[in-house]
Amino acid sequence: MLKYIFLAIVFSIIGYGLAVFVPPSKTGLDRLIGYGESTDGLFATNAESALPLGTGAGAPQNQKYPAGSFLTAVDLLSTPGVSKPLGFKVGPAISSGDVPAVLERLKDILTLSKARYVTGNNNEAVIIIGNSYPDLAAATRDRKRLQTLVTERLEIIYLPDCIQQKTEDDAGFLCGLPAESEDSSP
């Protein structure tokens, strides 16, 4: 029995090592798991087949975003030595269809905002931002008290400039898409 457990651990380590150091495109598995273009069309993913924001949780997107229009994980960090206001990231990134329910449920507990977000694997999502604090001591003290009231994990983050400025796009998102110019109409 111990021999089988040892073999399972060894093969898991080998598989993990291969997955980390050998990309799917080198082995031909990219077509099987949906990355890249396929010649038979069964597993093709391109801009036409990508779902727009709100049609599914974590819908793959193969588009470029205007600078500053979507937050990334790096935007929630701060340069060492720079003082920035803090807030809470409420739970993980979610689809835009789930946002109204979360906002309604937590509106009496936190001061909430929603922001468009691009995950590490380039999927569009939405993050919920709660409250604003001038220092870490105040944010930590409130997180301890508020965490017992909500089921989502409250993560202390640095608030990006677009969240601090509270500029909303047409759909009510902070850090959202820039407004379309009037001369771009057909």
N, C-alpha and C. Protein backbone atom coordinates (compact mmCIF):
# COMPACT_ATOMS: atom_id res chain seq x y z
N MET A 1 0.82 -1.18 0.00
CA MET A 1 0.00 0.00 0.00
C MET A 1 0.87 1.25 0.00
N LEU A 2 1.91 1.25 0.81
CA LEU A 2 2.82 2.38 0.89
C LEU A 2 3.53 2.62 -0.45
N LYS A 3 3.78 1.51 -1.17
CA LYS A 3 4.43 1.60 -2.47
C LYS A 3 3.54 2.37 -3.45
N TYR A 4 2.24 2.17 -3.44
CA TYR A 4 1.32 2.85 -4.35
C TYR A 4 1.20 4.33 -4.00
N ILE A 5 1.21 4.65 -2.74
CA ILE A 5 1.16 6.05 -2.32
C ILE A 5 2.43 6.77 -2.77
N PHE A 6 3.57 6.12 -2.60
CA PHE A 6 4.83 6.70 -3.03
C PHE A 6 4.83 6.93 -4.54
N LEU A 7 4.37 5.93 -5.31
CA LEU A 7 4.31 6.08 -6.77
C LEU A 7 3.36 7.21 -7.18
N ALA A 8 2.25 7.36 -6.50
CA ALA A 8 1.31 8.44 -6.81
C ALA A 8 1.94 9.80 -6.56
N ILE A 9 2.69 9.92 -5.48
CA ILE A 9 3.36 11.18 -5.18
C ILE A 9 4.42 11.48 -6.23
N VAL A 10 5.22 10.48 -6.62
CA VAL A 10 6.27 10.68 -7.62
C VAL A 10 5.66 11.10 -8.95
N PHE A 11 4.62 10.43 -9.41
CA PHE A 11 4.01 10.79 -10.69
C PHE A 11 3.30 12.14 -10.63
N SER A 12 2.77 12.50 -9.48
CA SER A 12 2.16 13.83 -9.33
C SER A 12 3.21 14.91 -9.46
N ILE A 13 4.37 14.70 -8.86
CA ILE A 13 5.46 15.68 -8.94
C ILE A 13 5.95 15.79 -10.37
N ILE A 14 6.11 14.67 -11.05
CA ILE A 14 6.55 14.69 -12.44
C ILE A 14 5.53 15.40 -13.32
N GLY A 15 4.26 15.12 -13.13
CA GLY A 15 3.21 15.77 -13.92
C GLY A 15 3.15 17.26 -13.66
N TYR A 16 3.28 17.65 -12.42
CA TYR A 16 3.28 19.07 -12.08
C TYR A 16 4.48 19.77 -12.70
N GLY A 17 5.65 19.15 -12.61
CA GLY A 17 6.85 19.72 -13.20
C GLY A 17 6.73 19.89 -14.70
N LEU A 18 6.18 18.91 -15.36
CA LEU A 18 5.98 19.03 -16.81
C LEU A 18 4.98 20.13 -17.14
N ALA A 19 3.92 20.24 -16.37
CA ALA A 19 2.91 21.26 -16.63
C ALA A 19 3.47 22.66 -16.43
N VAL A 20 4.38 22.82 -15.50
CA VAL A 20 4.95 24.14 -15.23
C VAL A 20 5.97 24.53 -16.29
N PHE A 21 6.82 23.60 -16.69
CA PHE A 21 7.93 23.93 -17.56
C PHE A 21 7.69 23.67 -19.05
N VAL A 22 6.67 22.93 -19.39
CA VAL A 22 6.38 22.66 -20.80
C VAL A 22 4.99 23.19 -21.12
N PRO A 23 4.89 24.27 -21.90
CA PRO A 23 3.57 24.82 -22.21
C PRO A 23 2.76 23.88 -23.11
N PRO A 24 1.43 23.98 -23.05
CA PRO A 24 0.59 23.10 -23.86
C PRO A 24 0.84 23.23 -25.36
N SER A 25 1.25 24.41 -25.82
CA SER A 25 1.49 24.59 -27.26
C SER A 25 2.67 23.76 -27.75
N LYS A 26 3.62 23.44 -26.88
CA LYS A 26 4.78 22.63 -27.27
C LYS A 26 4.42 21.16 -27.42
N THR A 27 3.40 20.71 -26.71
CA THR A 27 3.03 19.30 -26.75
C THR A 27 1.84 19.02 -27.67
N GLY A 28 1.20 20.06 -28.18
CA GLY A 28 0.03 19.88 -29.03
C GLY A 28 -1.26 19.78 -28.25
N LEU A 29 -1.20 19.92 -26.95
CA LEU A 29 -2.40 19.83 -26.12
C LEU A 29 -3.21 21.11 -26.10
N ASP A 30 -2.67 22.20 -26.68
CA ASP A 30 -3.39 23.47 -26.66
C ASP A 30 -4.72 23.38 -27.40
N ARG A 31 -4.77 22.59 -28.46
CA ARG A 31 -6.05 22.43 -29.18
C ARG A 31 -7.04 21.62 -28.36
N LEU A 32 -6.54 20.66 -27.60
CA LEU A 32 -7.42 19.80 -26.81
C LEU A 32 -8.07 20.55 -25.66
N ILE A 33 -7.32 21.44 -25.01
CA ILE A 33 -7.86 22.13 -23.85
C ILE A 33 -8.41 23.51 -24.18
N GLY A 34 -8.44 23.87 -25.47
CA GLY A 34 -9.12 25.10 -25.87
C GLY A 34 -8.25 26.32 -26.00
N TYR A 35 -6.93 26.20 -25.98
CA TYR A 35 -6.06 27.35 -26.19
C TYR A 35 -5.70 27.42 -27.66
N GLY A 36 -5.78 28.57 -28.24
CA GLY A 36 -5.34 28.76 -29.61
C GLY A 36 -6.36 28.32 -30.63
N GLU A 37 -5.95 28.34 -31.88
CA GLU A 37 -6.81 28.02 -33.01
C GLU A 37 -6.72 26.53 -33.34
N SER A 38 -7.80 25.94 -33.74
CA SER A 38 -7.84 24.55 -34.17
C SER A 38 -8.19 24.50 -35.64
N THR A 39 -7.63 23.55 -36.37
CA THR A 39 -7.92 23.47 -37.79
C THR A 39 -9.28 22.84 -38.06
N ASP A 40 -9.77 22.00 -37.15
CA ASP A 40 -11.07 21.36 -37.38
C ASP A 40 -12.23 22.17 -36.84
N GLY A 41 -11.99 23.22 -36.11
CA GLY A 41 -13.06 24.09 -35.62
C GLY A 41 -13.75 23.59 -34.37
N LEU A 42 -13.41 22.40 -33.88
CA LEU A 42 -14.09 21.88 -32.70
C LEU A 42 -13.71 22.63 -31.43
N PHE A 43 -12.44 22.98 -31.32
CA PHE A 43 -11.97 23.61 -30.10
C PHE A 43 -11.47 25.02 -30.36
N ALA A 44 -11.90 25.64 -31.43
CA ALA A 44 -11.40 26.96 -31.78
C ALA A 44 -11.90 28.01 -30.79
N THR A 45 -10.98 28.87 -30.40
CA THR A 45 -11.37 30.03 -29.59
C THR A 45 -10.77 31.25 -30.26
N ASN A 46 -11.61 32.18 -30.61
CA ASN A 46 -11.14 33.42 -31.19
C ASN A 46 -12.04 34.54 -30.72
N ALA A 47 -11.83 35.73 -31.22
CA ALA A 47 -12.59 36.89 -30.74
C ALA A 47 -14.09 36.75 -31.00
N GLU A 48 -14.48 36.07 -32.09
CA GLU A 48 -15.90 35.93 -32.39
C GLU A 48 -16.60 34.96 -31.44
N SER A 49 -15.88 33.94 -30.95
CA SER A 49 -16.52 32.97 -30.08
C SER A 49 -16.45 33.34 -28.61
N ALA A 50 -15.69 34.39 -28.27
CA ALA A 50 -15.58 34.79 -26.86
C ALA A 50 -16.89 35.44 -26.42
N LEU A 51 -17.31 35.10 -25.20
CA LEU A 51 -18.54 35.64 -24.66
C LEU A 51 -18.30 37.01 -24.05
N PRO A 52 -19.22 37.95 -24.21
CA PRO A 52 -19.04 39.25 -23.59
C PRO A 52 -19.23 39.18 -22.09
N LEU A 53 -18.79 40.23 -21.40
CA LEU A 53 -18.90 40.31 -19.95
C LEU A 53 -20.34 40.14 -19.53
N GLY A 54 -20.57 39.27 -18.55
CA GLY A 54 -21.91 39.07 -18.03
C GLY A 54 -22.63 37.87 -18.60
N THR A 55 -22.07 37.20 -19.63
CA THR A 55 -22.77 36.06 -20.19
C THR A 55 -22.34 34.75 -19.55
N GLY A 56 -21.31 34.77 -18.74
CA GLY A 56 -20.88 33.57 -18.05
C GLY A 56 -19.73 33.89 -17.13
N ALA A 57 -19.62 33.15 -16.08
CA ALA A 57 -18.54 33.40 -15.13
C ALA A 57 -17.22 33.01 -15.75
N GLY A 58 -16.29 33.93 -15.82
CA GLY A 58 -14.97 33.63 -16.34
C GLY A 58 -14.96 33.36 -17.82
N ALA A 59 -15.76 34.05 -18.60
CA ALA A 59 -15.79 33.85 -20.04
C ALA A 59 -14.45 34.26 -20.64
N PRO A 60 -13.81 33.38 -21.46
CA PRO A 60 -12.51 33.72 -22.01
C PRO A 60 -12.61 34.91 -22.97
N GLN A 61 -11.65 35.80 -22.88
CA GLN A 61 -11.63 36.97 -23.73
C GLN A 61 -10.28 37.05 -24.42
N ASN A 62 -10.27 37.26 -25.72
CA ASN A 62 -9.04 37.41 -26.48
C ASN A 62 -8.96 38.82 -27.03
N GLN A 63 -9.13 39.81 -26.18
CA GLN A 63 -9.10 41.18 -26.64
C GLN A 63 -8.14 41.99 -25.78
N LYS A 64 -7.74 43.11 -26.30
CA LYS A 64 -6.89 44.02 -25.55
C LYS A 64 -7.78 45.07 -24.91
N TYR A 65 -7.42 45.51 -23.73
CA TYR A 65 -8.21 46.47 -22.98
C TYR A 65 -7.52 47.82 -23.01
N PRO A 66 -8.29 48.89 -23.12
CA PRO A 66 -7.68 50.22 -23.06
C PRO A 66 -6.95 50.40 -21.73
N ALA A 67 -5.83 51.08 -21.77
CA ALA A 67 -5.02 51.28 -20.56
C ALA A 67 -5.85 51.93 -19.47
N GLY A 68 -5.80 51.33 -18.28
CA GLY A 68 -6.51 51.89 -17.14
C GLY A 68 -7.99 51.60 -17.10
N SER A 69 -8.51 50.80 -18.02
CA SER A 69 -9.96 50.57 -18.05
C SER A 69 -10.38 49.38 -17.21
N PHE A 70 -9.52 48.44 -16.97
CA PHE A 70 -9.81 47.27 -16.15
C PHE A 70 -8.71 47.13 -15.12
N LEU A 71 -9.07 46.77 -13.92
CA LEU A 71 -8.08 46.54 -12.88
C LEU A 71 -7.46 45.17 -13.06
N THR A 72 -6.23 45.02 -12.59
CA THR A 72 -5.56 43.73 -12.53
C THR A 72 -5.08 43.55 -11.09
N ALA A 73 -4.53 42.40 -10.79
CA ALA A 73 -4.04 42.14 -9.44
C ALA A 73 -2.94 43.11 -9.05
N VAL A 74 -2.14 43.55 -10.00
CA VAL A 74 -1.05 44.47 -9.73
C VAL A 74 -1.59 45.83 -9.28
N ASP A 75 -2.75 46.23 -9.79
CA ASP A 75 -3.33 47.52 -9.41
C ASP A 75 -3.74 47.58 -7.95
N LEU A 76 -3.93 46.44 -7.32
CA LEU A 76 -4.36 46.39 -5.93
C LEU A 76 -3.19 46.39 -4.95
N LEU A 77 -1.97 46.51 -5.48
CA LEU A 77 -0.77 46.57 -4.66
C LEU A 77 -0.27 48.02 -4.63
N SER A 78 0.72 48.30 -3.82
CA SER A 78 1.27 49.65 -3.74
C SER A 78 2.78 49.58 -3.80
N THR A 79 3.37 50.62 -4.34
CA THR A 79 4.82 50.74 -4.35
C THR A 79 5.30 50.96 -2.92
N PRO A 80 6.33 50.25 -2.50
CA PRO A 80 6.82 50.45 -1.13
C PRO A 80 7.20 51.92 -0.89
N GLY A 81 6.79 52.43 0.24
CA GLY A 81 7.09 53.81 0.60
C GLY A 81 6.02 54.80 0.18
N VAL A 82 5.08 54.38 -0.65
CA VAL A 82 4.01 55.26 -1.10
C VAL A 82 2.79 55.01 -0.22
N SER A 83 2.25 56.05 0.35
CA SER A 83 1.08 55.92 1.21
C SER A 83 -0.19 56.04 0.38
N LYS A 84 -1.03 55.02 0.42
CA LYS A 84 -2.28 55.02 -0.32
C LYS A 84 -3.40 54.57 0.62
N PRO A 85 -4.64 55.02 0.36
CA PRO A 85 -5.77 54.54 1.16
C PRO A 85 -5.97 53.04 0.95
N LEU A 86 -6.53 52.41 1.96
CA LEU A 86 -6.80 50.98 1.93
C LEU A 86 -8.30 50.73 1.88
N GLY A 87 -8.68 49.55 1.45
CA GLY A 87 -10.07 49.13 1.43
C GLY A 87 -10.12 47.62 1.45
N PHE A 88 -11.32 47.07 1.23
CA PHE A 88 -11.50 45.63 1.21
C PHE A 88 -11.85 45.17 -0.20
N LYS A 89 -11.25 44.07 -0.61
CA LYS A 89 -11.74 43.34 -1.78
C LYS A 89 -12.67 42.29 -1.19
N VAL A 90 -13.94 42.35 -1.58
CA VAL A 90 -14.97 41.49 -0.99
C VAL A 90 -15.09 40.22 -1.81
N GLY A 91 -14.57 39.12 -1.30
CA GLY A 91 -14.65 37.84 -1.98
C GLY A 91 -13.80 37.80 -3.23
N PRO A 92 -13.92 36.73 -4.00
CA PRO A 92 -13.16 36.62 -5.24
C PRO A 92 -13.83 37.43 -6.36
N ALA A 93 -13.16 37.51 -7.49
CA ALA A 93 -13.75 38.15 -8.66
C ALA A 93 -14.96 37.31 -9.12
N ILE A 94 -16.04 38.00 -9.52
CA ILE A 94 -17.27 37.32 -9.90
C ILE A 94 -17.75 37.82 -11.26
N SER A 95 -18.72 37.15 -11.83
CA SER A 95 -19.29 37.60 -13.10
C SER A 95 -20.22 38.77 -12.85
N SER A 96 -20.44 39.59 -13.85
CA SER A 96 -21.27 40.78 -13.67
C SER A 96 -22.72 40.43 -13.36
N GLY A 97 -23.17 39.25 -13.71
CA GLY A 97 -24.53 38.83 -13.40
C GLY A 97 -24.75 38.57 -11.92
N ASP A 98 -23.69 38.26 -11.19
CA ASP A 98 -23.79 37.99 -9.75
C ASP A 98 -23.66 39.25 -8.90
N VAL A 99 -23.24 40.35 -9.49
CA VAL A 99 -22.97 41.57 -8.74
C VAL A 99 -24.19 42.14 -8.03
N PRO A 100 -25.36 42.29 -8.68
CA PRO A 100 -26.50 42.90 -7.98
C PRO A 100 -26.89 42.16 -6.70
N ALA A 101 -26.85 40.85 -6.70
CA ALA A 101 -27.22 40.08 -5.50
C ALA A 101 -26.24 40.34 -4.36
N VAL A 102 -24.95 40.38 -4.67
CA VAL A 102 -23.94 40.62 -3.64
C VAL A 102 -24.08 42.04 -3.09
N LEU A 103 -24.26 43.02 -3.98
CA LEU A 103 -24.41 44.41 -3.53
C LEU A 103 -25.65 44.58 -2.66
N GLU A 104 -26.74 43.95 -3.02
CA GLU A 104 -27.98 44.06 -2.25
C GLU A 104 -27.81 43.44 -0.86
N ARG A 105 -27.13 42.30 -0.80
CA ARG A 105 -26.96 41.60 0.46
C ARG A 105 -26.04 42.34 1.44
N LEU A 106 -25.04 43.07 0.90
CA LEU A 106 -24.03 43.68 1.76
C LEU A 106 -24.16 45.19 1.89
N LYS A 107 -25.19 45.79 1.28
CA LYS A 107 -25.26 47.26 1.25
C LYS A 107 -25.42 47.88 2.63
N ASP A 108 -25.99 47.20 3.60
CA ASP A 108 -26.17 47.75 4.94
C ASP A 108 -24.93 47.56 5.82
N ILE A 109 -23.98 46.74 5.37
CA ILE A 109 -22.81 46.42 6.18
C ILE A 109 -21.57 47.20 5.74
N LEU A 110 -21.39 47.33 4.40
CA LEU A 110 -20.20 47.97 3.84
C LEU A 110 -20.59 49.08 2.86
N THR A 111 -19.69 50.02 2.65
CA THR A 111 -19.83 51.00 1.57
C THR A 111 -19.21 50.35 0.34
N LEU A 112 -20.01 50.00 -0.64
CA LEU A 112 -19.56 49.15 -1.74
C LEU A 112 -19.43 49.89 -3.06
N SER A 113 -18.50 49.41 -3.88
CA SER A 113 -18.31 49.85 -5.26
C SER A 113 -18.00 48.61 -6.07
N LYS A 114 -18.24 48.70 -7.36
CA LYS A 114 -17.88 47.57 -8.24
C LYS A 114 -16.92 48.08 -9.30
N ALA A 115 -15.98 47.23 -9.68
CA ALA A 115 -14.97 47.60 -10.66
C ALA A 115 -14.74 46.44 -11.62
N ARG A 116 -14.54 46.78 -12.87
CA ARG A 116 -14.19 45.75 -13.87
C ARG A 116 -12.77 45.27 -13.57
N TYR A 117 -12.54 43.98 -13.82
CA TYR A 117 -11.30 43.33 -13.41
C TYR A 117 -10.91 42.31 -14.46
N VAL A 118 -9.63 42.18 -14.72
CA VAL A 118 -9.11 41.16 -15.62
C VAL A 118 -8.30 40.20 -14.78
N THR A 119 -8.68 38.93 -14.79
CA THR A 119 -7.99 37.92 -13.99
C THR A 119 -6.63 37.59 -14.59
N GLY A 120 -5.85 36.82 -13.89
CA GLY A 120 -4.52 36.45 -14.35
C GLY A 120 -4.51 35.70 -15.66
N ASN A 121 -5.58 34.99 -15.98
CA ASN A 121 -5.65 34.27 -17.25
C ASN A 121 -6.50 35.01 -18.27
N ASN A 122 -6.58 36.35 -18.14
CA ASN A 122 -7.18 37.25 -19.12
C ASN A 122 -8.68 37.08 -19.27
N ASN A 123 -9.37 36.73 -18.21
CA ASN A 123 -10.83 36.65 -18.22
C ASN A 123 -11.41 37.91 -17.58
N GLU A 124 -12.48 38.42 -18.17
CA GLU A 124 -13.16 39.57 -17.60
C GLU A 124 -13.98 39.13 -16.40
N ALA A 125 -13.99 39.96 -15.37
CA ALA A 125 -14.78 39.69 -14.17
C ALA A 125 -15.07 41.02 -13.50
N VAL A 126 -15.66 40.96 -12.33
CA VAL A 126 -15.97 42.15 -11.55
C VAL A 126 -15.50 41.88 -10.12
N ILE A 127 -14.89 42.89 -9.50
CA ILE A 127 -14.56 42.78 -8.08
C ILE A 127 -15.38 43.81 -7.33
N ILE A 128 -15.73 43.45 -6.11
CA ILE A 128 -16.47 44.34 -5.23
C ILE A 128 -15.46 44.94 -4.25
N ILE A 129 -15.46 46.25 -4.16
CA ILE A 129 -14.57 46.98 -3.26
C ILE A 129 -15.41 47.57 -2.14
N GLY A 130 -14.96 47.41 -0.90
CA GLY A 130 -15.71 47.92 0.24
C GLY A 130 -14.89 48.84 1.12
N ASN A 131 -15.52 49.93 1.54
CA ASN A 131 -14.98 50.88 2.52
C ASN A 131 -13.67 51.52 2.05
N SER A 132 -13.18 52.46 2.83
CA SER A 132 -11.92 53.14 2.58
C SER A 132 -11.32 53.53 3.93
N TYR A 133 -10.01 53.31 4.08
CA TYR A 133 -9.33 53.57 5.34
C TYR A 133 -8.02 54.30 5.08
N PRO A 134 -7.65 55.21 5.98
CA PRO A 134 -6.40 55.94 5.79
C PRO A 134 -5.16 55.13 6.19
N ASP A 135 -5.34 54.13 7.07
CA ASP A 135 -4.17 53.38 7.52
C ASP A 135 -4.53 51.91 7.78
N LEU A 136 -3.49 51.11 7.93
CA LEU A 136 -3.66 49.67 8.10
C LEU A 136 -4.31 49.31 9.43
N ALA A 137 -4.02 50.04 10.47
CA ALA A 137 -4.59 49.72 11.79
C ALA A 137 -6.12 49.83 11.77
N ALA A 138 -6.66 50.87 11.15
CA ALA A 138 -8.11 51.04 11.07
C ALA A 138 -8.74 49.96 10.20
N ALA A 139 -8.09 49.62 9.07
CA ALA A 139 -8.62 48.59 8.18
C ALA A 139 -8.62 47.22 8.87
N THR A 140 -7.56 46.90 9.58
CA THR A 140 -7.46 45.61 10.27
C THR A 140 -8.50 45.50 11.37
N ARG A 141 -8.66 46.57 12.12
CA ARG A 141 -9.65 46.58 13.20
C ARG A 141 -11.06 46.37 12.65
N ASP A 142 -11.41 47.07 11.57
CA ASP A 142 -12.74 46.91 10.97
C ASP A 142 -12.92 45.54 10.32
N ARG A 143 -11.86 45.01 9.71
CA ARG A 143 -11.99 43.70 9.08
C ARG A 143 -12.32 42.63 10.11
N LYS A 144 -11.69 42.68 11.27
CA LYS A 144 -11.98 41.70 12.33
C LYS A 144 -13.45 41.77 12.75
N ARG A 145 -13.97 42.97 12.84
CA ARG A 145 -15.36 43.15 13.26
C ARG A 145 -16.33 42.77 12.14
N LEU A 146 -16.04 43.17 10.91
CA LEU A 146 -16.97 42.95 9.79
C LEU A 146 -16.93 41.52 9.24
N GLN A 147 -15.80 40.85 9.37
CA GLN A 147 -15.69 39.50 8.82
C GLN A 147 -16.72 38.55 9.42
N THR A 148 -17.12 38.77 10.65
CA THR A 148 -18.12 37.92 11.29
C THR A 148 -19.52 38.16 10.73
N LEU A 149 -19.70 39.30 10.05
CA LEU A 149 -21.03 39.64 9.51
C LEU A 149 -21.23 39.21 8.07
N VAL A 150 -20.16 38.92 7.34
CA VAL A 150 -20.27 38.56 5.93
C VAL A 150 -19.66 37.19 5.69
N THR A 151 -20.16 36.49 4.68
CA THR A 151 -19.63 35.17 4.35
C THR A 151 -18.42 35.27 3.42
N GLU A 152 -18.32 36.34 2.64
CA GLU A 152 -17.19 36.52 1.73
C GLU A 152 -15.94 36.91 2.52
N ARG A 153 -14.81 36.53 1.99
CA ARG A 153 -13.54 36.89 2.63
C ARG A 153 -13.24 38.36 2.35
N LEU A 154 -12.90 39.11 3.37
CA LEU A 154 -12.53 40.51 3.23
C LEU A 154 -11.00 40.59 3.19
N GLU A 155 -10.47 40.98 2.05
CA GLU A 155 -9.03 41.08 1.87
C GLU A 155 -8.65 42.56 1.82
N ILE A 156 -7.70 42.97 2.64
CA ILE A 156 -7.26 44.36 2.66
C ILE A 156 -6.39 44.62 1.43
N ILE A 157 -6.75 45.66 0.67
CA ILE A 157 -6.03 46.01 -0.55
C ILE A 157 -5.74 47.51 -0.55
N TYR A 158 -4.80 47.92 -1.39
CA TYR A 158 -4.59 49.34 -1.64
C TYR A 158 -5.59 49.77 -2.71
N LEU A 159 -6.23 50.90 -2.51
CA LEU A 159 -7.22 51.37 -3.47
C LEU A 159 -6.52 52.06 -4.64
N PRO A 160 -6.78 51.59 -5.88
CA PRO A 160 -6.21 52.25 -7.06
C PRO A 160 -6.77 53.67 -7.21
N ASP A 161 -6.09 54.48 -7.99
CA ASP A 161 -6.50 55.88 -8.18
C ASP A 161 -7.92 56.00 -8.72
N CYS A 162 -8.30 55.13 -9.65
CA CYS A 162 -9.64 55.25 -10.23
C CYS A 162 -10.73 54.93 -9.21
N ILE A 163 -10.44 54.10 -8.21
CA ILE A 163 -11.40 53.83 -7.14
C ILE A 163 -11.48 55.04 -6.21
N GLN A 164 -10.34 55.65 -5.92
CA GLN A 164 -10.32 56.81 -5.04
C GLN A 164 -11.08 57.99 -5.65
N GLN A 165 -10.99 58.14 -6.97
CA GLN A 165 -11.64 59.26 -7.66
C GLN A 165 -13.14 59.05 -7.83
N LYS A 166 -13.59 57.81 -7.66
CA LYS A 166 -15.01 57.47 -7.77
C LYS A 166 -15.62 57.90 -9.10
N THR A 167 -14.89 57.72 -10.20
CA THR A 167 -15.43 58.02 -11.52
C THR A 167 -16.06 56.76 -12.08
N GLU A 168 -17.34 56.82 -12.38
CA GLU A 168 -18.07 55.66 -12.88
C GLU A 168 -18.27 55.77 -14.38
N ASP A 169 -18.32 54.62 -15.04
CA ASP A 169 -18.68 54.61 -16.45
C ASP A 169 -20.20 54.54 -16.57
N ASP A 170 -20.71 54.38 -17.78
CA ASP A 170 -22.15 54.40 -18.01
C ASP A 170 -22.89 53.26 -17.30
N ALA A 171 -22.21 52.15 -17.06
CA ALA A 171 -22.84 51.00 -16.40
C ALA A 171 -22.66 51.03 -14.89
N GLY A 172 -22.05 52.06 -14.34
CA GLY A 172 -21.88 52.18 -12.90
C GLY A 172 -20.63 51.50 -12.35
N PHE A 173 -19.70 51.12 -13.21
CA PHE A 173 -18.46 50.48 -12.77
C PHE A 173 -17.38 51.53 -12.57
N LEU A 174 -16.61 51.41 -11.49
CA LEU A 174 -15.42 52.22 -11.32
C LEU A 174 -14.30 51.56 -12.11
N CYS A 175 -13.37 52.34 -12.59
CA CYS A 175 -12.25 51.82 -13.39
C CYS A 175 -12.77 51.09 -14.62
N GLY A 176 -13.86 51.55 -15.19
CA GLY A 176 -14.49 50.87 -16.32
C GLY A 176 -13.99 51.37 -17.65
N LEU A 177 -14.72 51.04 -18.66
CA LEU A 177 -14.37 51.45 -20.01
C LEU A 177 -14.47 52.97 -20.15
N PRO A 178 -13.55 53.57 -20.91
CA PRO A 178 -13.65 55.02 -21.10
C PRO A 178 -14.90 55.34 -21.93
N ALA A 179 -15.44 56.54 -21.73
CA ALA A 179 -16.62 56.95 -22.48
C ALA A 179 -16.30 57.05 -23.96
N GLU A 180 -17.24 56.61 -24.79
CA GLU A 180 -17.02 56.69 -26.22
C GLU A 180 -17.11 58.13 -26.68
N SER A 181 -16.22 58.51 -27.58
CA SER A 181 -16.26 59.88 -28.10
C SER A 181 -17.40 60.00 -29.11
N GLU A 182 -17.93 61.21 -29.24
CA GLU A 182 -19.08 61.42 -30.12
C GLU A 182 -18.73 61.29 -31.57
N ASP A 183 -17.48 61.55 -31.94
CA ASP A 183 -17.08 61.46 -33.35
C ASP A 183 -16.84 60.02 -33.80
N SER A 184 -16.94 59.03 -32.91
CA SER A 184 -16.73 57.63 -33.29
C SER A 184 -18.02 56.95 -33.72
N SER A 185 -19.14 57.69 -33.76
CA SER A 185 -20.41 57.09 -34.19
C SER A 185 -20.40 56.87 -35.68
N PRO A 186 -21.09 55.80 -36.20
CA PRO A 186 -21.04 55.48 -37.62
C PRO A 186 -21.79 56.47 -38.47
